Protein backbone atom coordinates (compact mmCIF):
# COMPACT_ATOMS: atom_id res chain seq x y z
CA MET A 1 144.56 107.57 -50.77
CA SER A 2 142.99 107.13 -54.24
CA THR A 3 141.64 109.36 -56.93
CA PHE A 4 138.23 108.45 -58.34
CA VAL A 5 136.95 110.11 -61.53
CA LEU A 6 133.24 109.57 -61.80
CA VAL A 7 131.47 109.43 -65.21
CA PRO A 8 127.71 109.98 -65.21
CA GLY A 9 125.14 108.03 -67.13
CA ALA A 10 122.23 109.49 -69.13
CA GLY A 11 121.53 112.96 -67.90
CA GLY A 12 125.18 113.87 -67.62
CA ASN A 13 124.89 115.75 -64.31
CA ALA A 14 127.83 115.75 -61.92
CA SER A 15 125.36 116.16 -59.11
CA TYR A 16 124.39 112.46 -59.61
CA TRP A 17 127.55 111.64 -57.67
CA ARG A 18 127.01 114.04 -54.73
CA GLU A 19 126.46 111.42 -52.01
CA LEU A 20 129.31 109.19 -53.21
CA VAL A 21 131.71 112.13 -53.59
CA ALA A 22 130.91 113.19 -49.99
CA GLU A 23 131.50 109.64 -48.72
CA LEU A 24 134.81 109.19 -50.55
CA GLU A 25 136.08 112.58 -49.49
CA ARG A 26 135.11 111.88 -45.88
CA ARG A 27 137.50 108.91 -46.09
CA GLY A 28 140.32 111.07 -47.46
CA HIS A 29 140.05 110.23 -51.16
CA ASP A 30 139.98 112.62 -54.14
CA ALA A 31 136.66 112.28 -55.98
CA VAL A 32 136.05 114.17 -59.24
CA ALA A 33 132.54 114.13 -60.69
CA VAL A 34 132.43 114.87 -64.46
CA ASP A 35 129.64 117.01 -65.85
CA ILE A 36 128.65 116.32 -69.47
CA PRO A 37 126.26 118.61 -71.39
CA GLN A 38 124.53 115.67 -73.08
CA ASP A 39 121.63 117.75 -74.45
CA ASP A 40 124.01 119.61 -76.79
CA PRO A 41 123.80 118.06 -80.26
CA ALA A 42 127.45 119.05 -80.83
CA VAL A 43 128.53 116.85 -77.92
CA GLY A 44 128.88 113.20 -78.80
CA LEU A 45 130.87 110.19 -77.53
CA PRO A 46 134.24 111.65 -78.49
CA GLU A 47 133.46 114.81 -76.61
CA TYR A 48 132.20 112.78 -73.62
CA ALA A 49 135.58 111.08 -73.51
CA ALA A 50 137.49 114.36 -73.98
CA LEU A 51 135.62 115.84 -70.97
CA VAL A 52 136.64 112.89 -68.89
CA GLU A 53 140.23 113.21 -70.03
CA ALA A 54 140.20 116.89 -69.05
CA ALA A 55 138.86 115.97 -65.64
CA ILE A 56 141.68 113.42 -65.19
CA GLY A 57 144.27 115.95 -66.29
CA ASP A 58 147.64 115.09 -64.80
CA ARG A 59 146.24 113.05 -61.96
CA ALA A 60 148.04 109.79 -61.47
CA ASP A 61 146.65 106.50 -60.27
CA THR A 62 143.12 107.31 -61.32
CA VAL A 63 140.24 104.87 -60.79
CA LEU A 64 137.62 105.51 -63.48
CA VAL A 65 134.03 104.77 -62.38
CA ALA A 66 131.39 104.82 -65.12
CA GLN A 67 127.64 104.73 -64.48
CA SER A 68 125.09 103.19 -66.96
CA LEU A 69 125.47 105.03 -70.32
CA GLY A 70 128.96 106.00 -69.08
CA GLY A 71 130.00 102.48 -70.05
CA PHE A 72 130.22 103.77 -73.60
CA THR A 73 132.57 106.54 -72.51
CA ALA A 74 134.97 104.54 -70.40
CA PRO A 75 136.81 102.52 -73.14
CA MET A 76 137.21 105.70 -75.26
CA VAL A 77 139.07 107.61 -72.57
CA GLY A 78 142.68 107.99 -73.71
CA SER A 79 144.22 109.11 -70.44
CA PRO A 80 145.99 106.41 -68.49
CA VAL A 81 143.98 105.01 -65.58
CA ARG A 82 144.87 102.24 -63.25
CA MET A 83 141.45 100.65 -63.01
CA ILE A 84 137.93 100.83 -64.47
CA VAL A 85 134.76 100.21 -62.53
CA LEU A 86 131.54 99.75 -64.52
CA LEU A 87 128.49 100.52 -62.41
CA ASN A 88 125.13 99.17 -63.66
CA ALA A 89 126.73 99.99 -66.98
CA MET A 90 126.02 99.44 -70.66
CA ILE A 91 129.02 97.38 -71.72
CA PRO A 92 129.80 98.00 -75.42
CA LEU A 93 131.56 95.93 -77.98
CA PRO A 94 134.13 97.71 -80.14
CA GLY A 95 132.33 99.76 -82.76
CA GLU A 96 128.91 99.19 -81.29
CA THR A 97 126.56 102.18 -81.03
CA PRO A 98 124.51 103.00 -77.97
CA GLY A 99 121.36 102.74 -80.11
CA ARG A 100 122.14 99.19 -81.21
CA TRP A 101 123.17 98.06 -77.73
CA TRP A 102 119.59 97.70 -76.45
CA GLY A 103 118.54 95.25 -79.12
CA ALA A 104 121.86 93.40 -79.27
CA THR A 105 121.74 92.63 -75.56
CA GLY A 106 118.01 92.14 -75.27
CA SER A 107 117.84 94.60 -72.38
CA ASP A 108 114.24 95.66 -72.79
CA ALA A 109 112.90 92.09 -72.89
CA ALA A 110 114.96 91.32 -69.79
CA ARG A 111 113.60 94.36 -67.99
CA ARG A 112 109.99 93.58 -68.90
CA ALA A 113 110.37 89.91 -67.84
CA ALA A 114 111.84 90.93 -64.51
CA GLU A 115 109.03 93.39 -63.87
CA GLU A 116 106.35 90.85 -64.65
CA ALA A 117 108.02 88.25 -62.51
CA ALA A 118 107.94 90.73 -59.59
CA GLY A 119 104.27 91.52 -60.17
CA ARG A 120 104.91 95.09 -61.45
CA ASP A 121 103.70 96.80 -64.56
CA PRO A 122 106.22 96.07 -67.29
CA GLU A 123 105.79 99.46 -68.94
CA PHE A 124 108.71 101.83 -68.25
CA ASP A 125 108.08 104.37 -65.57
CA GLU A 126 110.95 106.69 -64.52
CA GLU A 127 109.94 106.96 -60.87
CA ARG A 128 109.36 103.26 -60.39
CA THR A 129 112.42 102.19 -62.40
CA PHE A 130 115.03 104.58 -61.05
CA PHE A 131 114.00 106.06 -57.74
CA HIS A 132 112.18 103.27 -55.89
CA ASP A 133 114.91 102.85 -53.23
CA LEU A 134 116.09 106.41 -52.64
CA PRO A 135 116.07 107.89 -49.13
CA ASP A 136 113.64 110.78 -48.63
CA ASP A 137 116.44 113.31 -47.98
CA VAL A 138 118.14 112.37 -51.26
CA ARG A 139 114.83 112.77 -53.14
CA VAL A 140 114.39 116.24 -51.67
CA GLN A 141 117.90 117.26 -52.70
CA MET A 142 117.42 115.93 -56.22
CA GLU A 143 114.37 118.22 -56.60
CA ARG A 144 116.72 121.19 -55.97
CA ASP A 145 119.39 119.95 -58.40
CA PRO A 146 119.60 120.86 -62.10
CA GLN A 147 117.33 118.51 -63.99
CA PRO A 148 118.94 115.74 -66.02
CA ARG A 149 119.68 116.59 -69.61
CA ALA A 150 118.36 113.95 -71.99
CA PRO A 151 121.11 112.92 -74.42
CA ALA A 152 120.80 114.51 -77.86
CA ASP A 153 120.18 112.16 -80.73
CA THR A 154 123.89 112.52 -81.73
CA ILE A 155 125.28 109.69 -79.62
CA TRP A 156 122.81 106.92 -80.44
CA SER A 157 124.29 106.28 -83.91
CA GLN A 158 127.90 106.91 -82.99
CA PRO A 159 130.17 103.88 -82.72
CA CYS A 160 132.10 103.35 -79.54
CA ASP A 161 135.51 103.92 -81.05
CA PHE A 162 137.89 101.49 -79.38
CA GLU A 163 139.63 98.24 -80.41
CA ARG A 164 139.94 96.58 -77.01
CA TRP A 165 139.39 97.43 -73.40
CA PRO A 166 142.44 98.94 -71.66
CA ASP A 167 144.83 96.45 -70.13
CA VAL A 168 143.99 97.44 -66.57
CA PRO A 169 141.84 95.69 -63.92
CA ILE A 170 138.14 96.04 -64.72
CA HIS A 171 135.38 95.51 -62.18
CA VAL A 172 131.67 95.28 -62.84
CA VAL A 173 129.27 96.33 -60.05
CA VAL A 174 125.59 95.48 -60.30
CA GLY A 175 122.66 96.62 -58.14
CA ARG A 176 120.75 93.49 -57.05
CA ASP A 177 117.52 95.55 -57.19
CA ASP A 178 118.22 97.34 -60.49
CA ARG A 179 114.94 97.56 -62.39
CA LEU A 180 116.34 99.00 -65.63
CA PHE A 181 119.05 96.41 -66.09
CA PRO A 182 118.10 93.36 -63.96
CA TRP A 183 121.09 91.82 -62.24
CA GLU A 184 120.79 88.47 -64.04
CA PHE A 185 120.87 90.35 -67.30
CA GLN A 186 123.90 92.36 -66.34
CA GLN A 187 125.63 89.25 -65.15
CA GLN A 188 125.13 87.53 -68.53
CA VAL A 189 126.36 90.60 -70.46
CA SER A 190 129.36 91.00 -68.26
CA ARG A 191 130.30 87.31 -68.62
CA GLU A 192 129.78 87.29 -72.35
CA ARG A 193 131.48 90.60 -73.23
CA LEU A 194 134.21 90.90 -70.64
CA GLY A 195 134.53 87.45 -69.10
CA ILE A 196 134.01 89.11 -65.72
CA GLU A 197 131.84 87.96 -62.87
CA PRO A 198 130.12 91.08 -61.48
CA ASP A 199 129.98 92.05 -57.80
CA LEU A 200 126.46 92.47 -56.40
CA LEU A 201 125.42 95.27 -54.07
CA PRO A 202 121.97 95.88 -52.58
CA GLY A 203 120.15 98.71 -54.30
CA GLY A 204 118.78 99.79 -57.63
CA HIS A 205 120.09 101.51 -60.75
CA VAL A 206 121.26 104.72 -58.99
CA LEU A 207 123.45 103.02 -56.41
CA ALA A 208 125.69 106.03 -55.93
CA LYS A 209 122.70 107.84 -54.46
CA SER A 210 120.87 105.09 -52.70
CA ARG A 211 123.90 103.13 -51.33
CA PRO A 212 126.92 105.47 -51.27
CA VAL A 213 128.45 103.95 -48.14
CA GLU A 214 128.37 100.35 -49.40
CA LEU A 215 129.57 101.50 -52.84
CA ALA A 216 132.45 103.48 -51.29
CA ASP A 217 133.39 100.34 -49.25
CA LEU A 218 133.62 98.33 -52.47
CA LEU A 219 135.58 101.03 -54.38
CA GLU A 220 138.05 101.23 -51.54
CA ASP A 221 138.49 97.45 -51.61
CA TYR A 222 139.12 97.55 -55.34
CA ALA A 223 141.58 100.44 -55.12
CA GLY A 224 143.45 98.85 -52.24
CA SER A 225 143.85 95.48 -54.05
CA ALA A 226 145.38 96.84 -57.24
């Protein structure tokens, strides 16, 4: 069985991973969801990485799974891992800041173009962008969870402090229905920055909540092939 350490995106809540953790544990795996107090101005990218390292501890054979903004944490984690999975993730270049990533990749223009092509309002709307494909029971549970903590301004100007991606297998997973980072956009970024062809799953930006079974299937395939 495998150990999966799960890094959240913006919001930082470990509860984001609830459905995926349950599915992985049901299959006999160890799944550790990291909680990051992103609203604390004293907590920046180095602290994000340190919290992930603490969660890994002395676990061996860890598969690191990073969601969205968690893509900026993954390459800064100093603990040895055997694999990295980037999930609808912001893929940084060495030294790039999260604040600069949006313009450097053209993400907002890609999002707006995809929304217009689909006949939707191109203005950002949290409900329409993130939660359009969530099951009703998951929505109800989310209303009971702690609310996401918007990242403090600290991280946006902090460089992603790494020289190169770790020399381990890296997989990129993209939601075919992601409305924040359209799949064609993610495919282009993954090809250009990592030379990796991403794997597509049905579902939107919050795949771990909307498609935990399909995502667990793919993670098991990855872990079993390494």
